[in-house]
Amino acid sequence: MDLILASTSPYRRDLLQRLQIPFRCLPPDADETPLADETPPQLVERLALAKSASISTLNPDSLVVGSDQVATLDGRIMGKPGHHDAAVAQLQACSGKEVQFYTGLAVVCESTGFRQVHVEPFTVHFRQLSNTAIENYLKREQPYDCAGSFKCEGLGIALFSRLVGDDPTSLEGLPLISLVNMLGSAGLGVLN
């Protein structure tokens, strides 16, 4: 079965490679603007499905994986910082607090009518961070394209006091435990 990852994210591509099954990546076409009164879980669910559906329509016999993620602090969505000053501000705001991540995951096959969607929550508890620690971290890792201004798979782990969730890969942008289950339901067993 042809598997497509509806993403241009190198992080998601690297995660899916861990499952050691052949796939290709295609850029999805989805408007990522939040809808009025849409909660973060609703947003990532809708966008994961929109991304996978946009590729599935053009590749109806393929199994298409879509994903989207947001980080929230005090109920507000935090975007990707994009540059150093924004990353400093994000990490200062996160210091000593909990940041909630929501990762939406969708698997779609147009021709068979298969469609599953899941939202994986994950909570990150930040240590109290000094300005020196923030600057040293950003200088080493430069996570300016990451929601929350960190890479948990790298040195970002030093920013946390604890992690709470069922699937640590959801923090990286693609919850592999849920994905393995969804692929199996669609007839693509990872270990078969």
C-alpha atoms as a PDB file:
ATOM      1  CA  MET A   1       0.000   0.000   0.000  1.00  0.00           C
ATOM      2  CA  ASP A   2       1.360   3.427  -0.961  1.00  0.00           C
ATOM      3  CA  LEU A   3       1.914   5.609   2.111  1.00  0.00           C
ATOM      4  CA  ILE A   4       2.150   9.395   1.894  1.00  0.00           C
ATOM      5  CA  LEU A   5       3.059  11.855   4.631  1.00  0.00           C
ATOM      6  CA  ALA A   6       1.189  15.094   3.978  1.00  0.00           C
ATOM      7  CA  SER A   7       3.952  17.303   5.302  1.00  0.00           C
ATOM      8  CA  THR A   8       7.071  19.261   4.446  1.00  0.00           C
ATOM      9  CA  SER A   9       8.333  19.027   8.038  1.00  0.00           C
ATOM     10  CA  PRO A  10      11.751  17.390   8.321  1.00  0.00           C
ATOM     11  CA  TYR A  11      10.883  16.486  11.928  1.00  0.00           C
ATOM     12  CA  ARG A  12       7.773  14.535  10.907  1.00  0.00           C
ATOM     13  CA  ARG A  13       9.651  12.885   8.042  1.00  0.00           C
ATOM     14  CA  ASP A  14      12.399  11.749  10.434  1.00  0.00           C
ATOM     15  CA  LEU A  15       9.827  10.421  12.893  1.00  0.00           C
ATOM     16  CA  LEU A  16       7.972   8.404  10.257  1.00  0.00           C
ATOM     17  CA  GLN A  17      11.289   6.929   9.087  1.00  0.00           C
ATOM     18  CA  ARG A  18      11.612   5.312  12.519  1.00  0.00           C
ATOM     19  CA  LEU A  19       8.812   2.916  11.547  1.00  0.00           C
ATOM     20  CA  GLN A  20      10.962   1.608   8.660  1.00  0.00           C
ATOM     21  CA  ILE A  21       8.153   1.478   6.123  1.00  0.00           C
ATOM     22  CA  PRO A  22       8.403   3.090   2.679  1.00  0.00           C
ATOM     23  CA  PHE A  23       6.613   6.411   2.233  1.00  0.00           C
ATOM     24  CA  ARG A  24       6.836   9.638   0.320  1.00  0.00           C
ATOM     25  CA  CYS A  25       6.185  13.223   1.356  1.00  0.00           C
ATOM     26  CA  LEU A  26       3.900  15.682  -0.410  1.00  0.00           C
ATOM     27  CA  PRO A  27       3.098  19.250   0.638  1.00  0.00           C
ATOM     28  CA  PRO A  28      -0.518  19.585   1.812  1.00  0.00           C
ATOM     29  CA  ASP A  29      -2.814  22.440   0.883  1.00  0.00           C
ATOM     30  CA  ALA A  30      -4.654  23.592   4.003  1.00  0.00           C
ATOM     31  CA  ASP A  31      -5.558  27.013   5.366  1.00  0.00           C
ATOM     32  CA  GLU A  32      -4.142  26.969   8.901  1.00  0.00           C
ATOM     33  CA  THR A  33      -6.092  29.993  10.137  1.00  0.00           C
ATOM     34  CA  PRO A  34      -7.940  29.135  13.375  1.00  0.00           C
ATOM     35  CA  LEU A  35     -11.721  29.406  13.213  1.00  0.00           C
ATOM     36  CA  ALA A  36     -13.643  31.632  15.602  1.00  0.00           C
ATOM     37  CA  ASP A  37     -14.128  29.956  19.007  1.00  0.00           C
ATOM     38  CA  GLU A  38     -12.114  26.885  17.893  1.00  0.00           C
ATOM     39  CA  THR A  39     -10.277  25.209  20.784  1.00  0.00           C
ATOM     40  CA  PRO A  40      -6.658  24.072  20.289  1.00  0.00           C
ATOM     41  CA  PRO A  41      -7.672  20.371  20.143  1.00  0.00           C
ATOM     42  CA  GLN A  42     -10.394  21.169  17.585  1.00  0.00           C
ATOM     43  CA  LEU A  43      -7.902  23.193  15.531  1.00  0.00           C
ATOM     44  CA  VAL A  44      -5.269  20.444  15.292  1.00  0.00           C
ATOM     45  CA  GLU A  45      -7.896  17.792  14.577  1.00  0.00           C
ATOM     46  CA  ARG A  46      -9.373  19.857  11.740  1.00  0.00           C
ATOM     47  CA  LEU A  47      -5.973  20.727  10.269  1.00  0.00           C
ATOM     48  CA  ALA A  48      -4.599  17.175  10.440  1.00  0.00           C
ATOM     49  CA  LEU A  49      -7.681  15.967   8.567  1.00  0.00           C
ATOM     50  CA  ALA A  50      -7.557  18.846   6.062  1.00  0.00           C
ATOM     51  CA  LYS A  51      -3.896  18.173   5.303  1.00  0.00           C
ATOM     52  CA  SER A  52      -4.399  14.450   4.753  1.00  0.00           C
ATOM     53  CA  ALA A  53      -7.613  14.977   2.760  1.00  0.00           C
ATOM     54  CA  SER A  54      -5.934  17.504   0.440  1.00  0.00           C
ATOM     55  CA  ILE A  55      -3.376  14.876  -0.576  1.00  0.00           C
ATOM     56  CA  SER A  56      -5.800  11.933  -0.533  1.00  0.00           C
ATOM     57  CA  THR A  57      -8.074  13.625  -3.055  1.00  0.00           C
ATOM     58  CA  LEU A  58      -5.207  13.667  -5.557  1.00  0.00           C
ATOM     59  CA  ASN A  59      -3.938  10.194  -4.560  1.00  0.00           C
ATOM     60  CA  PRO A  60      -7.154   8.270  -3.839  1.00  0.00           C
ATOM     61  CA  ASP A  61      -5.566   4.811  -3.579  1.00  0.00           C
ATOM     62  CA  SER A  62      -2.861   5.916  -1.135  1.00  0.00           C
ATOM     63  CA  LEU A  63      -2.936   5.928   2.634  1.00  0.00           C
ATOM     64  CA  VAL A  64      -2.257   9.525   3.665  1.00  0.00           C
ATOM     65  CA  VAL A  65      -1.009  10.708   7.075  1.00  0.00           C
ATOM     66  CA  GLY A  66      -1.604  14.298   8.164  1.00  0.00           C
ATOM     67  CA  SER A  67      -0.567  15.962  11.398  1.00  0.00           C
ATOM     68  CA  ASP A  68      -0.688  19.342  13.069  1.00  0.00           C
ATOM     69  CA  GLN A  69       0.478  20.620  16.444  1.00  0.00           C
ATOM     70  CA  VAL A  70      -0.064  23.604  18.708  1.00  0.00           C
ATOM     71  CA  ALA A  71       1.463  24.560  22.019  1.00  0.00           C
ATOM     72  CA  THR A  72      -0.571  26.507  24.563  1.00  0.00           C
ATOM     73  CA  LEU A  73       0.511  28.530  27.562  1.00  0.00           C
ATOM     74  CA  ASP A  74      -2.179  29.778  29.932  1.00  0.00           C
ATOM     75  CA  GLY A  75      -4.785  28.792  27.326  1.00  0.00           C
ATOM     76  CA  ARG A  76      -3.211  30.827  24.497  1.00  0.00           C
ATOM     77  CA  ILE A  77      -1.630  29.292  21.404  1.00  0.00           C
ATOM     78  CA  MET A  78       2.096  29.882  21.071  1.00  0.00           C
ATOM     79  CA  GLY A  79       3.401  29.955  17.523  1.00  0.00           C
ATOM     80  CA  LYS A  80       6.827  29.145  16.193  1.00  0.00           C
ATOM     81  CA  PRO A  81       9.139  31.950  17.296  1.00  0.00           C
ATOM     82  CA  GLY A  82      10.870  32.474  13.959  1.00  0.00           C
ATOM     83  CA  HIS A  83      13.759  34.462  15.460  1.00  0.00           C
ATOM     84  CA  HIS A  84      15.913  34.806  18.555  1.00  0.00           C
ATOM     85  CA  ASP A  85      14.068  37.607  20.391  1.00  0.00           C
ATOM     86  CA  ALA A  86      10.708  35.849  20.066  1.00  0.00           C
ATOM     87  CA  ALA A  87      12.245  32.583  21.301  1.00  0.00           C
ATOM     88  CA  VAL A  88      13.714  34.363  24.340  1.00  0.00           C
ATOM     89  CA  ALA A  89      10.286  35.840  25.128  1.00  0.00           C
ATOM     90  CA  GLN A  90       8.583  32.436  24.749  1.00  0.00           C
ATOM     91  CA  LEU A  91      11.041  30.645  27.013  1.00  0.00           C
ATOM     92  CA  GLN A  92      10.862  33.425  29.621  1.00  0.00           C
ATOM     93  CA  ALA A  93       7.065  33.102  29.580  1.00  0.00           C
ATOM     94  CA  CYS A  94       7.315  29.283  29.927  1.00  0.00           C
ATOM     95  CA  SER A  95       9.789  29.388  32.829  1.00  0.00           C
ATOM     96  CA  GLY A  96       8.350  27.533  35.839  1.00  0.00           C
ATOM     97  CA  LYS A  97       5.052  26.841  34.045  1.00  0.00           C
ATOM     98  CA  GLU A  98       3.186  24.063  32.267  1.00  0.00           C
ATOM     99  CA  VAL A  99       2.853  24.119  28.495  1.00  0.00           C
ATOM    100  CA  GLN A 100       0.156  21.945  26.944  1.00  0.00           C
ATOM    101  CA  PHE A 101       0.764  20.483  23.492  1.00  0.00           C
ATOM    102  CA  TYR A 102      -1.957  19.089  21.252  1.00  0.00           C
ATOM    103  CA  THR A 103      -0.968  17.022  18.232  1.00  0.00           C
ATOM    104  CA  GLY A 104      -3.637  16.134  15.702  1.00  0.00           C
ATOM    105  CA  LEU A 105      -3.178  12.997  13.615  1.00  0.00           C
ATOM    106  CA  ALA A 106      -5.282  11.835  10.670  1.00  0.00           C
ATOM    107  CA  VAL A 107      -5.019   8.812   8.390  1.00  0.00           C
ATOM    108  CA  VAL A 108      -7.151   8.858   5.244  1.00  0.00           C
ATOM    109  CA  CYS A 109      -7.629   6.690   2.160  1.00  0.00           C
ATOM    110  CA  GLU A 110     -10.099   8.183  -0.308  1.00  0.00           C
ATOM    111  CA  SER A 111     -10.790   5.024  -2.323  1.00  0.00           C
ATOM    112  CA  THR A 112     -11.584   2.804   0.669  1.00  0.00           C
ATOM    113  CA  GLY A 113     -13.330   5.491   2.726  1.00  0.00           C
ATOM    114  CA  PHE A 114     -10.899   4.930   5.607  1.00  0.00           C
ATOM    115  CA  ARG A 115     -10.671   7.954   7.877  1.00  0.00           C
ATOM    116  CA  GLN A 116      -9.397   8.124  11.443  1.00  0.00           C
ATOM    117  CA  VAL A 117      -8.496  11.192  13.446  1.00  0.00           C
ATOM    118  CA  HIS A 118      -6.892  11.433  16.880  1.00  0.00           C
ATOM    119  CA  VAL A 119      -5.659  14.243  19.127  1.00  0.00           C
ATOM    120  CA  GLU A 120      -2.748  13.459  21.456  1.00  0.00           C
ATOM    121  CA  PRO A 121      -2.276  15.781  24.470  1.00  0.00           C
ATOM    122  CA  PHE A 122       1.077  16.182  26.176  1.00  0.00           C
ATOM    123  CA  THR A 123       2.151  18.448  29.046  1.00  0.00           C
ATOM    124  CA  VAL A 124       5.630  19.872  29.533  1.00  0.00           C
ATOM    125  CA  HIS A 125       6.643  21.243  32.945  1.00  0.00           C
ATOM    126  CA  PHE A 126       9.408  23.824  32.577  1.00  0.00           C
ATOM    127  CA  ARG A 127      12.128  24.400  35.137  1.00  0.00           C
ATOM    128  CA  GLN A 128      12.740  27.918  36.405  1.00  0.00           C
ATOM    129  CA  LEU A 129      14.951  29.255  33.618  1.00  0.00           C
ATOM    130  CA  SER A 130      17.541  31.987  34.075  1.00  0.00           C
ATOM    131  CA  ASN A 131      18.233  34.393  31.242  1.00  0.00           C
ATOM    132  CA  THR A 132      21.700  32.856  30.956  1.00  0.00           C
ATOM    133  CA  ALA A 133      20.244  29.358  30.601  1.00  0.00           C
ATOM    134  CA  ILE A 134      17.815  30.589  27.928  1.00  0.00           C
ATOM    135  CA  GLU A 135      20.566  32.331  25.955  1.00  0.00           C
ATOM    136  CA  ASN A 136      22.897  29.330  26.205  1.00  0.00           C
ATOM    137  CA  TYR A 137      20.156  26.981  25.077  1.00  0.00           C
ATOM    138  CA  LEU A 138      19.132  29.122  22.111  1.00  0.00           C
ATOM    139  CA  LYS A 139      22.740  29.624  21.032  1.00  0.00           C
ATOM    140  CA  ARG A 140      23.302  25.858  20.935  1.00  0.00           C
ATOM    141  CA  GLU A 141      20.018  24.611  19.500  1.00  0.00           C
ATOM    142  CA  GLN A 142      18.412  27.547  17.591  1.00  0.00           C
ATOM    143  CA  PRO A 143      14.870  26.068  17.701  1.00  0.00           C
ATOM    144  CA  TYR A 144      13.280  29.006  15.879  1.00  0.00           C
ATOM    145  CA  ASP A 145      11.065  26.760  13.735  1.00  0.00           C
ATOM    146  CA  CYS A 146       9.626  24.858  16.727  1.00  0.00           C
ATOM    147  CA  ALA A 147       6.470  25.629  18.695  1.00  0.00           C
ATOM    148  CA  GLY A 148       7.476  26.479  22.245  1.00  0.00           C
ATOM    149  CA  SER A 149      11.050  27.355  21.200  1.00  0.00           C
ATOM    150  CA  PHE A 150      12.604  23.978  22.024  1.00  0.00           C
ATOM    151  CA  LYS A 151      13.496  20.586  20.589  1.00  0.00           C
ATOM    152  CA  CYS A 152      12.702  17.889  23.140  1.00  0.00           C
ATOM    153  CA  GLU A 153      14.704  15.340  21.146  1.00  0.00           C
ATOM    154  CA  GLY A 154      17.819  17.447  21.705  1.00  0.00           C
ATOM    155  CA  LEU A 155      19.146  19.714  24.427  1.00  0.00           C
ATOM    156  CA  GLY A 156      15.624  21.031  25.072  1.00  0.00           C
ATOM    157  CA  ILE A 157      15.159  18.174  27.536  1.00  0.00           C
ATOM    158  CA  ALA A 158      17.343  20.199  29.953  1.00  0.00           C
ATOM    159  CA  LEU A 159      14.619  22.866  30.101  1.00  0.00           C
ATOM    160  CA  PHE A 160      12.055  20.557  31.722  1.00  0.00           C
ATOM    161  CA  SER A 161      11.340  19.340  35.223  1.00  0.00           C
ATOM    162  CA  ARG A 162       8.968  16.653  33.950  1.00  0.00           C
ATOM    163  CA  LEU A 163       6.897  15.451  31.011  1.00  0.00           C
ATOM    164  CA  VAL A 164       3.367  14.069  31.233  1.00  0.00           C
ATOM    165  CA  GLY A 165       1.772  12.170  28.376  1.00  0.00           C
ATOM    166  CA  ASP A 166       1.332   8.816  26.682  1.00  0.00           C
ATOM    167  CA  ASP A 167       3.511   9.312  23.613  1.00  0.00           C
ATOM    168  CA  PRO A 168       6.708  11.381  23.731  1.00  0.00           C
ATOM    169  CA  THR A 169       6.924  11.402  19.921  1.00  0.00           C
ATOM    170  CA  SER A 170       3.821  13.595  19.892  1.00  0.00           C
ATOM    171  CA  LEU A 171       6.035  16.402  21.240  1.00  0.00           C
ATOM    172  CA  GLU A 172       8.180  16.075  18.129  1.00  0.00           C
ATOM    173  CA  GLY A 173       5.081  16.406  15.924  1.00  0.00           C
ATOM    174  CA  LEU A 174       3.929  12.897  15.014  1.00  0.00           C
ATOM    175  CA  PRO A 175       2.520  10.539  17.697  1.00  0.00           C
ATOM    176  CA  LEU A 176       3.930   7.219  16.515  1.00  0.00           C
ATOM    177  CA  ILE A 177       2.117   4.989  19.020  1.00  0.00           C
ATOM    178  CA  SER A 178      -1.265   6.178  17.768  1.00  0.00           C
ATOM    179  CA  LEU A 179      -0.055   6.161  14.175  1.00  0.00           C
ATOM    180  CA  VAL A 180       0.989   2.494  14.368  1.00  0.00           C
ATOM    181  CA  ASN A 181      -2.518   1.640  15.646  1.00  0.00           C
ATOM    182  CA  MET A 182      -4.212   3.702  12.925  1.00  0.00           C
ATOM    183  CA  LEU A 183      -2.070   2.234  10.135  1.00  0.00           C
ATOM    184  CA  GLY A 184      -2.890  -1.245  11.416  1.00  0.00           C
ATOM    185  CA  SER A 185      -6.617  -0.435  11.321  1.00  0.00           C
ATOM    186  CA  ALA A 186      -6.154   0.673   7.703  1.00  0.00           C
ATOM    187  CA  GLY A 187      -4.475  -2.642   6.812  1.00  0.00           C
ATOM    188  CA  LEU A 188      -0.834  -1.555   6.965  1.00  0.00           C
ATOM    189  CA  GLY A 189       0.791  -3.441   9.817  1.00  0.00           C
ATOM    190  CA  VAL A 190       4.160  -1.959  10.715  1.00  0.00           C
ATOM    191  CA  LEU A 191       5.646  -5.263  11.881  1.00  0.00           C
ATOM    192  CA  ASN A 192       3.749  -7.563   9.506  1.00  0.00           C
END
